[in-house]
Amino acid sequence: MAEPLSASASIIAAIGFAAESSKLIFRFFQGIAHAPANIHDSALALSSLYVTLTSLQQSGTKLDPKYKFPAHFCSRLNDCLKDLKTFEAKLDKIDAVFSNRGTRKIDRDTKTRRSWERVKWLLVGEQDTRRFLEKVKMYQNEFVLELLGLLM
């Protein structure tokens, strides 16, 4: 059985990985100019998730070393991390397609750049994105409650 300190440290590290992943995905959504407005609004949940996770990480480092995160929290954190990493992998594939193109010409030619933005949005997939962002909102709500519990 792992010592409480190493178990807590692992969870705090996983929280940090999830936070960075949410920030990366949020920046991707921020950069898509022609996504529907509701997707941009929903993507703000990624920013909120990032803030919550970094707050959890900071609070976690100040906990008594013997503190044990609840099993349901650890399970949800693992689910969240898996969902974030899966979506991030999808975005990596899309970025690979775009990084193989000559970006200088795209940056200079506004029409071409706008066309690439539309293609980029289509490649993400609206239904998958909506489902993903609904999960993000759920994780955000659950982690806020956990953070409140730590701060009390």
C-alpha atoms as a PDB file:
ATOM      1  CA  MET A   1       0.000   0.000   0.000  1.00  0.00           C
ATOM      2  CA  ALA A   2       1.297   3.443  -0.923  1.00  0.00           C
ATOM      3  CA  GLU A   3       2.098   5.916   1.788  1.00  0.00           C
ATOM      4  CA  PRO A   4      -0.485   8.709   2.166  1.00  0.00           C
ATOM      5  CA  LEU A   5       2.063  11.330   1.145  1.00  0.00           C
ATOM      6  CA  SER A   6       2.889   9.636  -2.144  1.00  0.00           C
ATOM      7  CA  ALA A   7      -0.792   8.937  -2.868  1.00  0.00           C
ATOM      8  CA  SER A   8      -1.692  12.584  -2.249  1.00  0.00           C
ATOM      9  CA  ALA A   9       1.275  13.755  -4.299  1.00  0.00           C
ATOM     10  CA  SER A  10       0.158  11.548  -7.207  1.00  0.00           C
ATOM     11  CA  ILE A  11      -3.349  12.971  -7.065  1.00  0.00           C
ATOM     12  CA  ILE A  12      -2.049  16.532  -6.894  1.00  0.00           C
ATOM     13  CA  ALA A  13       0.158  15.814  -9.928  1.00  0.00           C
ATOM     14  CA  ALA A  14      -2.841  14.359 -11.812  1.00  0.00           C
ATOM     15  CA  ILE A  15      -4.811  17.503 -10.953  1.00  0.00           C
ATOM     16  CA  GLY A  16      -1.977  19.555 -12.480  1.00  0.00           C
ATOM     17  CA  PHE A  17      -1.980  17.451 -15.676  1.00  0.00           C
ATOM     18  CA  ALA A  18      -5.750  17.865 -16.008  1.00  0.00           C
ATOM     19  CA  ALA A  19      -5.449  21.619 -15.452  1.00  0.00           C
ATOM     20  CA  GLU A  20      -2.834  22.022 -18.179  1.00  0.00           C
ATOM     21  CA  SER A  21      -4.836  19.873 -20.580  1.00  0.00           C
ATOM     22  CA  SER A  22      -7.987  21.945 -20.006  1.00  0.00           C
ATOM     23  CA  LYS A  23      -5.992  25.138 -20.635  1.00  0.00           C
ATOM     24  CA  LEU A  24      -4.583  23.765 -23.891  1.00  0.00           C
ATOM     25  CA  ILE A  25      -8.008  22.713 -25.173  1.00  0.00           C
ATOM     26  CA  PHE A  26      -9.523  26.065 -24.163  1.00  0.00           C
ATOM     27  CA  ARG A  27      -6.865  27.879 -26.184  1.00  0.00           C
ATOM     28  CA  PHE A  28      -7.698  25.718 -29.196  1.00  0.00           C
ATOM     29  CA  PHE A  29     -11.383  26.694 -28.970  1.00  0.00           C
ATOM     30  CA  GLN A  30     -10.455  30.311 -28.456  1.00  0.00           C
ATOM     31  CA  GLY A  31      -8.542  30.211 -31.749  1.00  0.00           C
ATOM     32  CA  ILE A  32     -11.408  28.919 -33.890  1.00  0.00           C
ATOM     33  CA  ALA A  33     -12.929  31.999 -35.419  1.00  0.00           C
ATOM     34  CA  HIS A  34     -15.997  30.425 -37.041  1.00  0.00           C
ATOM     35  CA  ALA A  35     -17.265  28.058 -34.373  1.00  0.00           C
ATOM     36  CA  PRO A  36     -20.850  28.675 -33.247  1.00  0.00           C
ATOM     37  CA  ALA A  37     -21.136  31.236 -30.460  1.00  0.00           C
ATOM     38  CA  ASN A  38     -22.598  28.677 -28.067  1.00  0.00           C
ATOM     39  CA  ILE A  39     -19.454  26.551 -28.467  1.00  0.00           C
ATOM     40  CA  HIS A  40     -17.275  29.540 -27.616  1.00  0.00           C
ATOM     41  CA  ASP A  41     -19.481  30.206 -24.587  1.00  0.00           C
ATOM     42  CA  SER A  42     -19.393  26.569 -23.521  1.00  0.00           C
ATOM     43  CA  ALA A  43     -15.642  26.476 -23.978  1.00  0.00           C
ATOM     44  CA  LEU A  44     -15.419  28.970 -21.137  1.00  0.00           C
ATOM     45  CA  ALA A  45     -16.217  25.979 -18.921  1.00  0.00           C
ATOM     46  CA  LEU A  46     -12.711  24.750 -19.816  1.00  0.00           C
ATOM     47  CA  SER A  47     -11.265  27.965 -18.480  1.00  0.00           C
ATOM     48  CA  SER A  48     -13.331  27.608 -15.312  1.00  0.00           C
ATOM     49  CA  LEU A  49     -12.225  23.990 -14.986  1.00  0.00           C
ATOM     50  CA  TYR A  50      -8.610  25.126 -15.282  1.00  0.00           C
ATOM     51  CA  VAL A  51      -9.065  27.694 -12.501  1.00  0.00           C
ATOM     52  CA  THR A  52     -10.807  25.157 -10.268  1.00  0.00           C
ATOM     53  CA  LEU A  53      -8.160  22.493 -10.855  1.00  0.00           C
ATOM     54  CA  THR A  54      -5.274  24.867 -10.189  1.00  0.00           C
ATOM     55  CA  SER A  55      -7.024  25.997  -6.997  1.00  0.00           C
ATOM     56  CA  LEU A  56      -7.469  22.343  -5.985  1.00  0.00           C
ATOM     57  CA  GLN A  57      -3.808  21.713  -6.732  1.00  0.00           C
ATOM     58  CA  GLN A  58      -2.694  24.680  -4.632  1.00  0.00           C
ATOM     59  CA  SER A  59      -5.013  23.724  -1.782  1.00  0.00           C
ATOM     60  CA  GLY A  60      -3.879  20.110  -2.015  1.00  0.00           C
ATOM     61  CA  THR A  61      -0.259  21.058  -1.479  1.00  0.00           C
ATOM     62  CA  LYS A  62      -1.230  22.716   1.816  1.00  0.00           C
ATOM     63  CA  LEU A  63      -3.131  19.711   3.190  1.00  0.00           C
ATOM     64  CA  ASP A  64      -2.016  17.562   6.061  1.00  0.00           C
ATOM     65  CA  PRO A  65       0.199  14.854   4.500  1.00  0.00           C
ATOM     66  CA  LYS A  66      -2.101  12.227   6.013  1.00  0.00           C
ATOM     67  CA  TYR A  67      -5.142  13.595   4.173  1.00  0.00           C
ATOM     68  CA  LYS A  68      -6.637  11.105   1.771  1.00  0.00           C
ATOM     69  CA  PHE A  69      -8.683  12.336  -1.165  1.00  0.00           C
ATOM     70  CA  PRO A  70     -12.097  10.614  -1.308  1.00  0.00           C
ATOM     71  CA  ALA A  71     -12.377   7.638  -3.681  1.00  0.00           C
ATOM     72  CA  HIS A  72     -15.202   9.270  -5.664  1.00  0.00           C
ATOM     73  CA  PHE A  73     -13.018  12.330  -6.265  1.00  0.00           C
ATOM     74  CA  CYS A  74     -10.116  10.187  -7.477  1.00  0.00           C
ATOM     75  CA  SER A  75     -12.428   8.281  -9.798  1.00  0.00           C
ATOM     76  CA  ARG A  76     -13.884  11.482 -11.271  1.00  0.00           C
ATOM     77  CA  LEU A  77     -10.426  12.975 -11.649  1.00  0.00           C
ATOM     78  CA  ASN A  78      -9.313   9.898 -13.590  1.00  0.00           C
ATOM     79  CA  ASP A  79     -12.420  10.138 -15.804  1.00  0.00           C
ATOM     80  CA  CYS A  80     -11.790  13.834 -16.374  1.00  0.00           C
ATOM     81  CA  LEU A  81      -8.139  13.305 -17.200  1.00  0.00           C
ATOM     82  CA  LYS A  82      -9.030  10.511 -19.629  1.00  0.00           C
ATOM     83  CA  ASP A  83     -11.660  12.674 -21.382  1.00  0.00           C
ATOM     84  CA  LEU A  84      -9.294  15.637 -21.604  1.00  0.00           C
ATOM     85  CA  LYS A  85      -6.434  13.530 -22.968  1.00  0.00           C
ATOM     86  CA  THR A  86      -8.736  11.838 -25.515  1.00  0.00           C
ATOM     87  CA  PHE A  87      -9.974  15.205 -26.778  1.00  0.00           C
ATOM     88  CA  GLU A  88      -6.456  16.584 -26.739  1.00  0.00           C
ATOM     89  CA  ALA A  89      -5.292  13.655 -28.911  1.00  0.00           C
ATOM     90  CA  LYS A  90      -8.057  14.481 -31.385  1.00  0.00           C
ATOM     91  CA  LEU A  91      -6.851  18.086 -31.516  1.00  0.00           C
ATOM     92  CA  ASP A  92      -3.244  16.936 -31.963  1.00  0.00           C
ATOM     93  CA  LYS A  93      -4.288  15.034 -35.101  1.00  0.00           C
ATOM     94  CA  ILE A  94      -5.999  18.132 -36.466  1.00  0.00           C
ATOM     95  CA  ASP A  95      -2.994  20.315 -35.652  1.00  0.00           C
ATOM     96  CA  ALA A  96      -0.735  17.821 -37.429  1.00  0.00           C
ATOM     97  CA  VAL A  97      -2.779  18.342 -40.592  1.00  0.00           C
ATOM     98  CA  PHE A  98      -2.454  22.107 -40.311  1.00  0.00           C
ATOM     99  CA  SER A  99       1.206  22.140 -39.348  1.00  0.00           C
ATOM    100  CA  ASN A 100       2.043  20.331 -42.598  1.00  0.00           C
ATOM    101  CA  ARG A 101       0.692  23.294 -44.547  1.00  0.00           C
ATOM    102  CA  GLY A 102       2.576  26.494 -45.305  1.00  0.00           C
ATOM    103  CA  THR A 103       1.288  28.721 -42.526  1.00  0.00           C
ATOM    104  CA  ARG A 104       2.872  31.901 -43.871  1.00  0.00           C
ATOM    105  CA  LYS A 105       0.675  31.891 -46.961  1.00  0.00           C
ATOM    106  CA  ILE A 106      -2.369  31.123 -44.814  1.00  0.00           C
ATOM    107  CA  ASP A 107      -1.554  33.988 -42.454  1.00  0.00           C
ATOM    108  CA  ARG A 108      -1.165  36.419 -45.360  1.00  0.00           C
ATOM    109  CA  ASP A 109      -4.261  35.351 -47.250  1.00  0.00           C
ATOM    110  CA  THR A 110      -7.306  36.170 -45.132  1.00  0.00           C
ATOM    111  CA  LYS A 111      -9.731  34.186 -47.311  1.00  0.00           C
ATOM    112  CA  THR A 112      -7.535  31.108 -47.130  1.00  0.00           C
ATOM    113  CA  ARG A 113      -7.115  31.529 -43.382  1.00  0.00           C
ATOM    114  CA  ARG A 114     -10.886  31.777 -42.879  1.00  0.00           C
ATOM    115  CA  SER A 115     -11.397  28.674 -45.000  1.00  0.00           C
ATOM    116  CA  TRP A 116      -8.859  26.782 -42.894  1.00  0.00           C
ATOM    117  CA  GLU A 117     -10.671  27.950 -39.745  1.00  0.00           C
ATOM    118  CA  ARG A 118     -13.923  26.493 -41.071  1.00  0.00           C
ATOM    119  CA  VAL A 119     -12.231  23.213 -41.982  1.00  0.00           C
ATOM    120  CA  LYS A 120     -10.590  23.099 -38.582  1.00  0.00           C
ATOM    121  CA  TRP A 121     -13.971  23.526 -36.908  1.00  0.00           C
ATOM    122  CA  LEU A 122     -15.554  20.825 -39.070  1.00  0.00           C
ATOM    123  CA  LEU A 123     -12.764  18.401 -38.207  1.00  0.00           C
ATOM    124  CA  VAL A 124     -13.402  18.830 -34.492  1.00  0.00           C
ATOM    125  CA  GLY A 125     -17.008  17.720 -34.918  1.00  0.00           C
ATOM    126  CA  GLU A 126     -19.859  19.647 -33.390  1.00  0.00           C
ATOM    127  CA  GLN A 127     -21.697  16.771 -31.688  1.00  0.00           C
ATOM    128  CA  ASP A 128     -18.549  15.310 -30.126  1.00  0.00           C
ATOM    129  CA  THR A 129     -17.568  18.761 -28.966  1.00  0.00           C
ATOM    130  CA  ARG A 130     -20.947  19.433 -27.378  1.00  0.00           C
ATOM    131  CA  ARG A 131     -20.809  16.107 -25.511  1.00  0.00           C
ATOM    132  CA  PHE A 132     -17.260  16.807 -24.396  1.00  0.00           C
ATOM    133  CA  LEU A 133     -18.134  20.299 -23.158  1.00  0.00           C
ATOM    134  CA  GLU A 134     -21.153  18.968 -21.235  1.00  0.00           C
ATOM    135  CA  LYS A 135     -18.801  16.560 -19.459  1.00  0.00           C
ATOM    136  CA  VAL A 136     -16.429  19.441 -18.744  1.00  0.00           C
ATOM    137  CA  LYS A 137     -19.263  21.388 -17.101  1.00  0.00           C
ATOM    138  CA  MET A 138     -20.136  18.342 -14.983  1.00  0.00           C
ATOM    139  CA  TYR A 139     -16.497  17.922 -13.878  1.00  0.00           C
ATOM    140  CA  GLN A 140     -16.285  21.631 -13.147  1.00  0.00           C
ATOM    141  CA  ASN A 141     -19.325  21.464 -10.849  1.00  0.00           C
ATOM    142  CA  GLU A 142     -18.058  18.383  -9.024  1.00  0.00           C
ATOM    143  CA  PHE A 143     -14.555  19.739  -8.529  1.00  0.00           C
ATOM    144  CA  VAL A 144     -15.846  23.078  -7.255  1.00  0.00           C
ATOM    145  CA  LEU A 145     -17.731  21.184  -4.567  1.00  0.00           C
ATOM    146  CA  GLU A 146     -14.585  19.258  -3.672  1.00  0.00           C
ATOM    147  CA  LEU A 147     -12.613  22.499  -3.510  1.00  0.00           C
ATOM    148  CA  LEU A 148     -15.215  24.042  -1.216  1.00  0.00           C
ATOM    149  CA  GLY A 149     -14.937  20.999   1.015  1.00  0.00           C
ATOM    150  CA  LEU A 150     -11.157  21.396   1.223  1.00  0.00           C
ATOM    151  CA  LEU A 151     -11.411  25.078   2.055  1.00  0.00           C
ATOM    152  CA  MET A 152     -13.874  24.595   4.909  1.00  0.00           C
END
